[in-house]
Amino acid sequence: MLQLLHRARRRARRLWYYRQIEQAVSGKRGLEIGGPSAVFTQEQQNGYIPAIYEFAATIDNCNFASVTTWSHGEYGRTFKYHPNFEPGMQYIDDATGLTSIADNTYDFLLASHILEHVANPLRALEEFRRVLKPKGAILVILPNQLYTFDHRRPLTTMAHLEEDWLAHRGEDDMTHLDEILTLHDLSMDPLAGTPQALRERSLRNAENRCLHQHVFSLEVMEKAFRKAGLRPVYSSQLLVPHLLTFGYKR
């Protein structure tokens, strides 16, 4: 009985924050980093992430290149995130240097399965904060280590993220290469191919950004938010293999 009560309370809390996220994006102008992302579509709803593409007024996007492993789109009004809406603006910039976007531009920002690929996540979060309007909302989704090819790797510490920030790490950084090549579970990552193919791809990370530079926990993600001047208000390990952190610009 007590277990059922706890489960009901968790569900009620999740649904309450679901509504908070929905309100933060409804009719608003947003920026996505590395989109489009299926997790924000109506078809991919899991019950705890709103179909943000349905609710937002408009969404722009930023990718590090016009053609990536996951998507493509030239600079300009080419970001096709939903068939019922006009394409958003596509920027070509790194997550750590959103140089095409002015301060205090967007009402909300989305980043799904992006920060784990970034060599300097704190610098990226600082940029995310910069382009948000005062009290703008931010939603970051990360892979849950237990359900990915990173399940053998150690979790990244906050001290390590701060070290990357102080060292101004770039996407050519190979700090984690030996760990990845040793602990990456190729049986869960068929696209990576053989161990040799994984190594060759990893050495070209500056051009393809396929490396998972970091392995996040919700605790470290909340600390990273605070360090970057963001206020986390809700974190959750969802019923699908995602970690979610939602908050606001301080």
C-alpha atoms as a PDB file:
ATOM      1  CA  MET A   1       0.000   0.000   0.000  1.00  0.00           C
ATOM      2  CA  LEU A   2       2.799   2.408   0.947  1.00  0.00           C
ATOM      3  CA  GLN A   3       4.598   1.618  -2.293  1.00  0.00           C
ATOM      4  CA  LEU A   4       1.468   2.433  -4.300  1.00  0.00           C
ATOM      5  CA  LEU A   5       1.149   5.735  -2.447  1.00  0.00           C
ATOM      6  CA  HIS A   6       4.760   6.700  -3.219  1.00  0.00           C
ATOM      7  CA  ARG A   7       4.230   5.791  -6.868  1.00  0.00           C
ATOM      8  CA  ALA A   8       1.092   7.930  -7.045  1.00  0.00           C
ATOM      9  CA  ARG A   9       2.928  10.871  -5.492  1.00  0.00           C
ATOM     10  CA  ARG A  10       5.800  10.550  -7.983  1.00  0.00           C
ATOM     11  CA  ARG A  11       3.331  10.455 -10.843  1.00  0.00           C
ATOM     12  CA  ALA A  12       1.486  13.508  -9.540  1.00  0.00           C
ATOM     13  CA  ARG A  13       4.763  15.404  -9.178  1.00  0.00           C
ATOM     14  CA  ARG A  14       5.826  14.515 -12.702  1.00  0.00           C
ATOM     15  CA  LEU A  15       2.503  15.596 -14.144  1.00  0.00           C
ATOM     16  CA  TRP A  16       2.689  18.896 -12.233  1.00  0.00           C
ATOM     17  CA  TYR A  17       6.094  19.661 -13.734  1.00  0.00           C
ATOM     18  CA  TYR A  18       4.858  18.484 -17.126  1.00  0.00           C
ATOM     19  CA  ARG A  19       2.359  21.346 -16.919  1.00  0.00           C
ATOM     20  CA  GLN A  20       5.093  23.761 -15.847  1.00  0.00           C
ATOM     21  CA  ILE A  21       7.183  22.854 -18.890  1.00  0.00           C
ATOM     22  CA  GLU A  22       4.144  23.127 -21.147  1.00  0.00           C
ATOM     23  CA  GLN A  23       3.361  26.603 -19.805  1.00  0.00           C
ATOM     24  CA  ALA A  24       6.990  27.693 -20.213  1.00  0.00           C
ATOM     25  CA  VAL A  25       6.942  26.952 -23.965  1.00  0.00           C
ATOM     26  CA  SER A  26       3.320  27.474 -25.037  1.00  0.00           C
ATOM     27  CA  GLY A  27       3.072  30.337 -27.514  1.00  0.00           C
ATOM     28  CA  LYS A  28       6.729  31.222 -26.923  1.00  0.00           C
ATOM     29  CA  ARG A  29       9.809  31.556 -29.113  1.00  0.00           C
ATOM     30  CA  GLY A  30      12.425  28.883 -28.524  1.00  0.00           C
ATOM     31  CA  LEU A  31      15.867  27.770 -29.592  1.00  0.00           C
ATOM     32  CA  GLU A  32      16.898  24.150 -29.897  1.00  0.00           C
ATOM     33  CA  ILE A  33      20.503  22.997 -29.905  1.00  0.00           C
ATOM     34  CA  GLY A  34      21.179  20.070 -32.236  1.00  0.00           C
ATOM     35  CA  GLY A  35      17.597  19.485 -33.368  1.00  0.00           C
ATOM     36  CA  PRO A  36      15.217  18.319 -34.528  1.00  0.00           C
ATOM     37  CA  SER A  37      14.582  15.802 -31.752  1.00  0.00           C
ATOM     38  CA  ALA A  38      11.920  13.103 -31.872  1.00  0.00           C
ATOM     39  CA  VAL A  39      11.402  13.328 -28.118  1.00  0.00           C
ATOM     40  CA  PHE A  40       9.680  16.711 -28.550  1.00  0.00           C
ATOM     41  CA  THR A  41       7.139  15.507 -31.119  1.00  0.00           C
ATOM     42  CA  GLN A  42       3.579  14.356 -30.462  1.00  0.00           C
ATOM     43  CA  GLU A  43       4.376  10.897 -31.844  1.00  0.00           C
ATOM     44  CA  GLN A  44       7.176  10.348 -29.336  1.00  0.00           C
ATOM     45  CA  GLN A  45       5.400  11.480 -26.190  1.00  0.00           C
ATOM     46  CA  ASN A  46       6.200   9.334 -23.193  1.00  0.00           C
ATOM     47  CA  GLY A  47       3.724  10.915 -20.783  1.00  0.00           C
ATOM     48  CA  TYR A  48       6.284  13.133 -19.030  1.00  0.00           C
ATOM     49  CA  ILE A  49       7.754  15.331 -21.777  1.00  0.00           C
ATOM     50  CA  PRO A  50       5.271  17.666 -23.465  1.00  0.00           C
ATOM     51  CA  ALA A  51       5.098  17.663 -27.263  1.00  0.00           C
ATOM     52  CA  ILE A  52       6.939  20.967 -27.294  1.00  0.00           C
ATOM     53  CA  TYR A  53       6.934  21.292 -31.077  1.00  0.00           C
ATOM     54  CA  GLU A  54       3.133  21.368 -30.897  1.00  0.00           C
ATOM     55  CA  PHE A  55       2.903  24.073 -28.234  1.00  0.00           C
ATOM     56  CA  ALA A  56       5.634  26.581 -29.144  1.00  0.00           C
ATOM     57  CA  ALA A  57       4.969  29.613 -31.316  1.00  0.00           C
ATOM     58  CA  THR A  58       8.188  29.047 -33.248  1.00  0.00           C
ATOM     59  CA  ILE A  59      11.492  27.217 -32.773  1.00  0.00           C
ATOM     60  CA  ASP A  60      14.876  28.042 -34.246  1.00  0.00           C
ATOM     61  CA  ASN A  61      17.847  25.687 -34.180  1.00  0.00           C
ATOM     62  CA  CYS A  62      21.611  25.646 -33.982  1.00  0.00           C
ATOM     63  CA  ASN A  63      23.932  22.900 -35.267  1.00  0.00           C
ATOM     64  CA  PHE A  64      27.704  22.883 -35.424  1.00  0.00           C
ATOM     65  CA  ALA A  65      27.619  22.234 -39.195  1.00  0.00           C
ATOM     66  CA  SER A  66      25.077  22.256 -42.008  1.00  0.00           C
ATOM     67  CA  VAL A  67      25.466  18.484 -42.371  1.00  0.00           C
ATOM     68  CA  THR A  68      25.942  16.322 -39.275  1.00  0.00           C
ATOM     69  CA  THR A  69      25.614  12.631 -38.476  1.00  0.00           C
ATOM     70  CA  TRP A  70      22.061  13.247 -37.286  1.00  0.00           C
ATOM     71  CA  SER A  71      20.605  16.071 -39.392  1.00  0.00           C
ATOM     72  CA  HIS A  72      21.203  18.607 -42.125  1.00  0.00           C
ATOM     73  CA  GLY A  73      20.121  22.178 -42.822  1.00  0.00           C
ATOM     74  CA  GLU A  74      21.821  25.174 -44.384  1.00  0.00           C
ATOM     75  CA  TYR A  75      21.967  28.522 -42.625  1.00  0.00           C
ATOM     76  CA  GLY A  76      18.668  30.379 -42.962  1.00  0.00           C
ATOM     77  CA  ARG A  77      14.985  29.472 -42.657  1.00  0.00           C
ATOM     78  CA  THR A  78      15.605  25.761 -43.125  1.00  0.00           C
ATOM     79  CA  PHE A  79      14.825  24.220 -39.716  1.00  0.00           C
ATOM     80  CA  LYS A  80      11.851  21.919 -40.352  1.00  0.00           C
ATOM     81  CA  TYR A  81      10.756  20.774 -36.922  1.00  0.00           C
ATOM     82  CA  HIS A  82       7.016  20.247 -37.539  1.00  0.00           C
ATOM     83  CA  PRO A  83       4.953  19.781 -40.717  1.00  0.00           C
ATOM     84  CA  ASN A  84       2.268  22.218 -39.562  1.00  0.00           C
ATOM     85  CA  PHE A  85       4.598  25.159 -38.910  1.00  0.00           C
ATOM     86  CA  GLU A  86       6.870  27.343 -40.990  1.00  0.00           C
ATOM     87  CA  PRO A  87      10.558  26.393 -40.754  1.00  0.00           C
ATOM     88  CA  GLY A  88      12.570  28.103 -38.060  1.00  0.00           C
ATOM     89  CA  MET A  89      15.931  29.796 -38.413  1.00  0.00           C
ATOM     90  CA  GLN A  90      18.920  27.467 -38.708  1.00  0.00           C
ATOM     91  CA  TYR A  91      22.162  28.787 -37.214  1.00  0.00           C
ATOM     92  CA  ILE A  92      25.561  27.190 -37.758  1.00  0.00           C
ATOM     93  CA  ASP A  93      27.524  27.577 -34.531  1.00  0.00           C
ATOM     94  CA  ASP A  94      29.068  25.458 -31.803  1.00  0.00           C
ATOM     95  CA  ALA A  95      27.070  24.931 -28.631  1.00  0.00           C
ATOM     96  CA  THR A  96      29.933  26.608 -26.764  1.00  0.00           C
ATOM     97  CA  GLY A  97      29.887  29.685 -29.003  1.00  0.00           C
ATOM     98  CA  LEU A  98      26.444  30.786 -30.190  1.00  0.00           C
ATOM     99  CA  THR A  99      28.017  33.790 -31.898  1.00  0.00           C
ATOM    100  CA  SER A 100      25.132  34.336 -34.353  1.00  0.00           C
ATOM    101  CA  ILE A 101      22.625  34.914 -31.534  1.00  0.00           C
ATOM    102  CA  ALA A 102      22.298  38.042 -29.425  1.00  0.00           C
ATOM    103  CA  ASP A 103      21.901  38.112 -25.654  1.00  0.00           C
ATOM    104  CA  ASN A 104      18.405  37.688 -24.160  1.00  0.00           C
ATOM    105  CA  THR A 105      16.792  36.511 -27.406  1.00  0.00           C
ATOM    106  CA  TYR A 106      14.738  33.400 -26.589  1.00  0.00           C
ATOM    107  CA  ASP A 107      11.952  32.512 -24.163  1.00  0.00           C
ATOM    108  CA  PHE A 108      13.132  28.909 -23.839  1.00  0.00           C
ATOM    109  CA  LEU A 109      15.943  26.621 -24.920  1.00  0.00           C
ATOM    110  CA  LEU A 110      15.961  22.867 -25.638  1.00  0.00           C
ATOM    111  CA  ALA A 111      18.922  20.501 -25.771  1.00  0.00           C
ATOM    112  CA  SER A 112      18.260  16.777 -26.173  1.00  0.00           C
ATOM    113  CA  HIS A 113      21.217  14.376 -26.110  1.00  0.00           C
ATOM    114  CA  ILE A 114      23.667  17.190 -26.833  1.00  0.00           C
ATOM    115  CA  LEU A 115      25.708  18.002 -23.720  1.00  0.00           C
ATOM    116  CA  GLU A 116      27.240  14.532 -23.505  1.00  0.00           C
ATOM    117  CA  HIS A 117      28.863  15.242 -26.904  1.00  0.00           C
ATOM    118  CA  VAL A 118      30.337  18.595 -25.791  1.00  0.00           C
ATOM    119  CA  ALA A 119      33.912  18.771 -24.507  1.00  0.00           C
ATOM    120  CA  ASN A 120      33.144  21.823 -22.351  1.00  0.00           C
ATOM    121  CA  PRO A 121      29.553  21.508 -21.031  1.00  0.00           C
ATOM    122  CA  LEU A 122      29.818  24.381 -18.536  1.00  0.00           C
ATOM    123  CA  ARG A 123      30.824  26.749 -21.321  1.00  0.00           C
ATOM    124  CA  ALA A 124      27.851  25.517 -23.376  1.00  0.00           C
ATOM    125  CA  LEU A 125      25.457  26.076 -20.459  1.00  0.00           C
ATOM    126  CA  GLU A 126      26.823  29.601 -20.045  1.00  0.00           C
ATOM    127  CA  GLU A 127      26.028  30.279 -23.700  1.00  0.00           C
ATOM    128  CA  PHE A 128      22.559  28.772 -23.294  1.00  0.00           C
ATOM    129  CA  ARG A 129      21.957  31.138 -20.394  1.00  0.00           C
ATOM    130  CA  ARG A 130      23.255  34.138 -22.334  1.00  0.00           C
ATOM    131  CA  VAL A 131      20.787  33.772 -25.213  1.00  0.00           C
ATOM    132  CA  LEU A 132      17.810  33.232 -22.883  1.00  0.00           C
ATOM    133  CA  LYS A 133      15.635  36.135 -21.854  1.00  0.00           C
ATOM    134  CA  PRO A 134      15.480  36.937 -18.121  1.00  0.00           C
ATOM    135  CA  LYS A 135      13.685  34.044 -16.383  1.00  0.00           C
ATOM    136  CA  GLY A 136      13.727  32.078 -19.651  1.00  0.00           C
ATOM    137  CA  ALA A 137      13.222  28.319 -19.367  1.00  0.00           C
ATOM    138  CA  ILE A 138      15.710  25.586 -20.229  1.00  0.00           C
ATOM    139  CA  LEU A 139      15.098  21.867 -20.734  1.00  0.00           C
ATOM    140  CA  VAL A 140      18.065  19.524 -21.051  1.00  0.00           C
ATOM    141  CA  ILE A 141      17.659  15.815 -21.792  1.00  0.00           C
ATOM    142  CA  LEU A 142      20.580  13.424 -21.498  1.00  0.00           C
ATOM    143  CA  PRO A 143      21.000   9.683 -21.992  1.00  0.00           C
ATOM    144  CA  ASN A 144      20.590   7.489 -18.957  1.00  0.00           C
ATOM    145  CA  GLN A 145      23.913   5.687 -18.667  1.00  0.00           C
ATOM    146  CA  LEU A 146      22.276   2.427 -17.608  1.00  0.00           C
ATOM    147  CA  TYR A 147      20.521   2.061 -20.972  1.00  0.00           C
ATOM    148  CA  THR A 148      23.337   3.108 -23.317  1.00  0.00           C
ATOM    149  CA  PHE A 149      26.716   1.948 -24.565  1.00  0.00           C
ATOM    150  CA  ASP A 150      28.241   4.083 -21.761  1.00  0.00           C
ATOM    151  CA  HIS A 151      26.983   1.784 -18.998  1.00  0.00           C
ATOM    152  CA  ARG A 152      30.511   0.556 -18.201  1.00  0.00           C
ATOM    153  CA  ARG A 153      32.010   4.032 -17.926  1.00  0.00           C
ATOM    154  CA  PRO A 154      32.378   6.022 -14.690  1.00  0.00           C
ATOM    155  CA  LEU A 155      30.095   8.995 -14.145  1.00  0.00           C
ATOM    156  CA  THR A 156      31.622  12.397 -14.803  1.00  0.00           C
ATOM    157  CA  THR A 157      32.255  14.476 -11.673  1.00  0.00           C
ATOM    158  CA  MET A 158      31.573  18.175 -11.221  1.00  0.00           C
ATOM    159  CA  ALA A 159      35.271  18.703 -10.570  1.00  0.00           C
ATOM    160  CA  HIS A 160      36.016  17.258 -13.991  1.00  0.00           C
ATOM    161  CA  LEU A 161      33.536  19.629 -15.688  1.00  0.00           C
ATOM    162  CA  GLU A 162      35.166  22.559 -13.907  1.00  0.00           C
ATOM    163  CA  GLU A 163      38.582  21.355 -15.065  1.00  0.00           C
ATOM    164  CA  ASP A 164      37.344  21.249 -18.664  1.00  0.00           C
ATOM    165  CA  TRP A 165      36.006  24.788 -18.268  1.00  0.00           C
ATOM    166  CA  LEU A 166      39.261  26.141 -16.844  1.00  0.00           C
ATOM    167  CA  ALA A 167      41.277  24.412 -19.577  1.00  0.00           C
ATOM    168  CA  HIS A 168      38.997  25.792 -22.354  1.00  0.00           C
ATOM    169  CA  ARG A 169      38.565  22.297 -23.796  1.00  0.00           C
ATOM    170  CA  GLY A 170      37.677  22.155 -27.481  1.00  0.00           C
ATOM    171  CA  GLU A 171      35.987  19.452 -29.533  1.00  0.00           C
ATOM    172  CA  ASP A 172      39.376  18.108 -30.613  1.00  0.00           C
ATOM    173  CA  ASP A 173      40.046  17.086 -27.002  1.00  0.00           C
ATOM    174  CA  MET A 174      41.009  13.425 -26.635  1.00  0.00           C
ATOM    175  CA  THR A 175      41.063  13.262 -22.820  1.00  0.00           C
ATOM    176  CA  HIS A 176      38.466  10.481 -22.729  1.00  0.00           C
ATOM    177  CA  LEU A 177      39.603   8.493 -25.751  1.00  0.00           C
ATOM    178  CA  ASP A 178      41.297   5.599 -23.939  1.00  0.00           C
ATOM    179  CA  GLU A 179      38.356   5.244 -21.551  1.00  0.00           C
ATOM    180  CA  ILE A 180      35.867   5.215 -24.421  1.00  0.00           C
ATOM    181  CA  LEU A 181      37.790   2.707 -26.518  1.00  0.00           C
ATOM    182  CA  THR A 182      38.143   0.400 -23.514  1.00  0.00           C
ATOM    183  CA  LEU A 183      34.649   0.636 -22.017  1.00  0.00           C
ATOM    184  CA  HIS A 184      32.342   1.487 -24.948  1.00  0.00           C
ATOM    185  CA  ASP A 185      29.848  -1.377 -25.374  1.00  0.00           C
ATOM    186  CA  LEU A 186      29.883  -1.967 -29.132  1.00  0.00           C
ATOM    187  CA  SER A 187      27.068  -4.508 -28.842  1.00  0.00           C
ATOM    188  CA  MET A 188      24.763  -1.566 -28.000  1.00  0.00           C
ATOM    189  CA  ASP A 189      26.134   0.699 -30.730  1.00  0.00           C
ATOM    190  CA  PRO A 190      26.002  -1.122 -34.087  1.00  0.00           C
ATOM    191  CA  LEU A 191      26.581   2.099 -36.038  1.00  0.00           C
ATOM    192  CA  ALA A 192      30.047   2.372 -34.523  1.00  0.00           C
ATOM    193  CA  GLY A 193      31.162  -0.826 -36.271  1.00  0.00           C
ATOM    194  CA  THR A 194      34.357  -2.576 -35.252  1.00  0.00           C
ATOM    195  CA  PRO A 195      36.765  -1.451 -32.529  1.00  0.00           C
ATOM    196  CA  GLN A 196      39.056  -0.089 -35.244  1.00  0.00           C
ATOM    197  CA  ALA A 197      36.175   1.803 -36.872  1.00  0.00           C
ATOM    198  CA  LEU A 198      35.214   3.268 -33.493  1.00  0.00           C
ATOM    199  CA  ARG A 199      38.796   4.434 -32.974  1.00  0.00           C
ATOM    200  CA  GLU A 200      38.995   6.035 -36.408  1.00  0.00           C
ATOM    201  CA  ARG A 201      35.666   7.796 -35.937  1.00  0.00           C
ATOM    202  CA  SER A 202      36.687   9.006 -32.495  1.00  0.00           C
ATOM    203  CA  LEU A 203      39.929  10.510 -33.774  1.00  0.00           C
ATOM    204  CA  ARG A 204      37.832  12.592 -36.183  1.00  0.00           C
ATOM    205  CA  ASN A 205      35.584  13.890 -33.419  1.00  0.00           C
ATOM    206  CA  ALA A 206      36.254  17.540 -34.230  1.00  0.00           C
ATOM    207  CA  GLU A 207      34.455  16.991 -37.542  1.00  0.00           C
ATOM    208  CA  ASN A 208      31.764  14.460 -36.542  1.00  0.00           C
ATOM    209  CA  ARG A 209      31.117  15.105 -32.780  1.00  0.00           C
ATOM    210  CA  CYS A 210      30.134  11.475 -32.197  1.00  0.00           C
ATOM    211  CA  LEU A 211      32.077  11.014 -28.951  1.00  0.00           C
ATOM    212  CA  HIS A 212      30.219  10.946 -25.680  1.00  0.00           C
ATOM    213  CA  GLN A 213      32.733  13.151 -23.907  1.00  0.00           C
ATOM    214  CA  HIS A 214      30.908  12.874 -20.578  1.00  0.00           C
ATOM    215  CA  VAL A 215      28.565  10.540 -18.712  1.00  0.00           C
ATOM    216  CA  PHE A 216      26.054  12.536 -16.667  1.00  0.00           C
ATOM    217  CA  SER A 217      24.074  11.977 -13.502  1.00  0.00           C
ATOM    218  CA  LEU A 218      21.134  14.140 -12.452  1.00  0.00           C
ATOM    219  CA  GLU A 219      23.102  15.346  -9.432  1.00  0.00           C
ATOM    220  CA  VAL A 220      25.973  16.654 -11.560  1.00  0.00           C
ATOM    221  CA  MET A 221      23.579  18.158 -14.092  1.00  0.00           C
ATOM    222  CA  GLU A 222      21.896  20.190 -11.353  1.00  0.00           C
ATOM    223  CA  LYS A 223      25.282  21.374 -10.072  1.00  0.00           C
ATOM    224  CA  ALA A 224      26.303  22.335 -13.595  1.00  0.00           C
ATOM    225  CA  PHE A 225      23.097  24.359 -13.999  1.00  0.00           C
ATOM    226  CA  ARG A 226      23.843  26.321 -10.831  1.00  0.00           C
ATOM    227  CA  LYS A 227      27.474  26.886 -11.800  1.00  0.00           C
ATOM    228  CA  ALA A 228      26.343  28.369 -15.126  1.00  0.00           C
ATOM    229  CA  GLY A 229      23.804  30.721 -13.541  1.00  0.00           C
ATOM    230  CA  LEU A 230      20.735  28.575 -14.135  1.00  0.00           C
ATOM    231  CA  ARG A 231      18.184  27.497 -11.518  1.00  0.00           C
ATOM    232  CA  PRO A 232      17.192  23.819 -11.713  1.00  0.00           C
ATOM    233  CA  VAL A 233      13.668  23.204 -10.476  1.00  0.00           C
ATOM    234  CA  TYR A 234      12.987  19.652 -11.586  1.00  0.00           C
ATOM    235  CA  SER A 235      15.091  16.599 -12.429  1.00  0.00           C
ATOM    236  CA  SER A 236      13.824  13.156 -13.292  1.00  0.00           C
ATOM    237  CA  GLN A 237      14.888   9.758 -14.538  1.00  0.00           C
ATOM    238  CA  LEU A 238      12.061   9.132 -16.960  1.00  0.00           C
ATOM    239  CA  LEU A 239      10.320   5.854 -17.747  1.00  0.00           C
ATOM    240  CA  VAL A 240      12.238   5.920 -21.026  1.00  0.00           C
ATOM    241  CA  PRO A 241      16.069   5.983 -21.108  1.00  0.00           C
ATOM    242  CA  HIS A 242      16.425   9.724 -20.564  1.00  0.00           C
ATOM    243  CA  LEU A 243      17.511  12.024 -17.776  1.00  0.00           C
ATOM    244  CA  LEU A 244      15.612  15.321 -17.688  1.00  0.00           C
ATOM    245  CA  THR A 245      16.593  18.593 -16.020  1.00  0.00           C
ATOM    246  CA  PHE A 246      14.338  21.632 -16.239  1.00  0.00           C
ATOM    247  CA  GLY A 247      14.987  25.096 -14.912  1.00  0.00           C
ATOM    248  CA  TYR A 248      15.167  28.823 -15.490  1.00  0.00           C
ATOM    249  CA  LYS A 249      17.694  31.573 -16.078  1.00  0.00           C
ATOM    250  CA  ARG A 250      18.591  33.238 -12.819  1.00  0.00           C
END
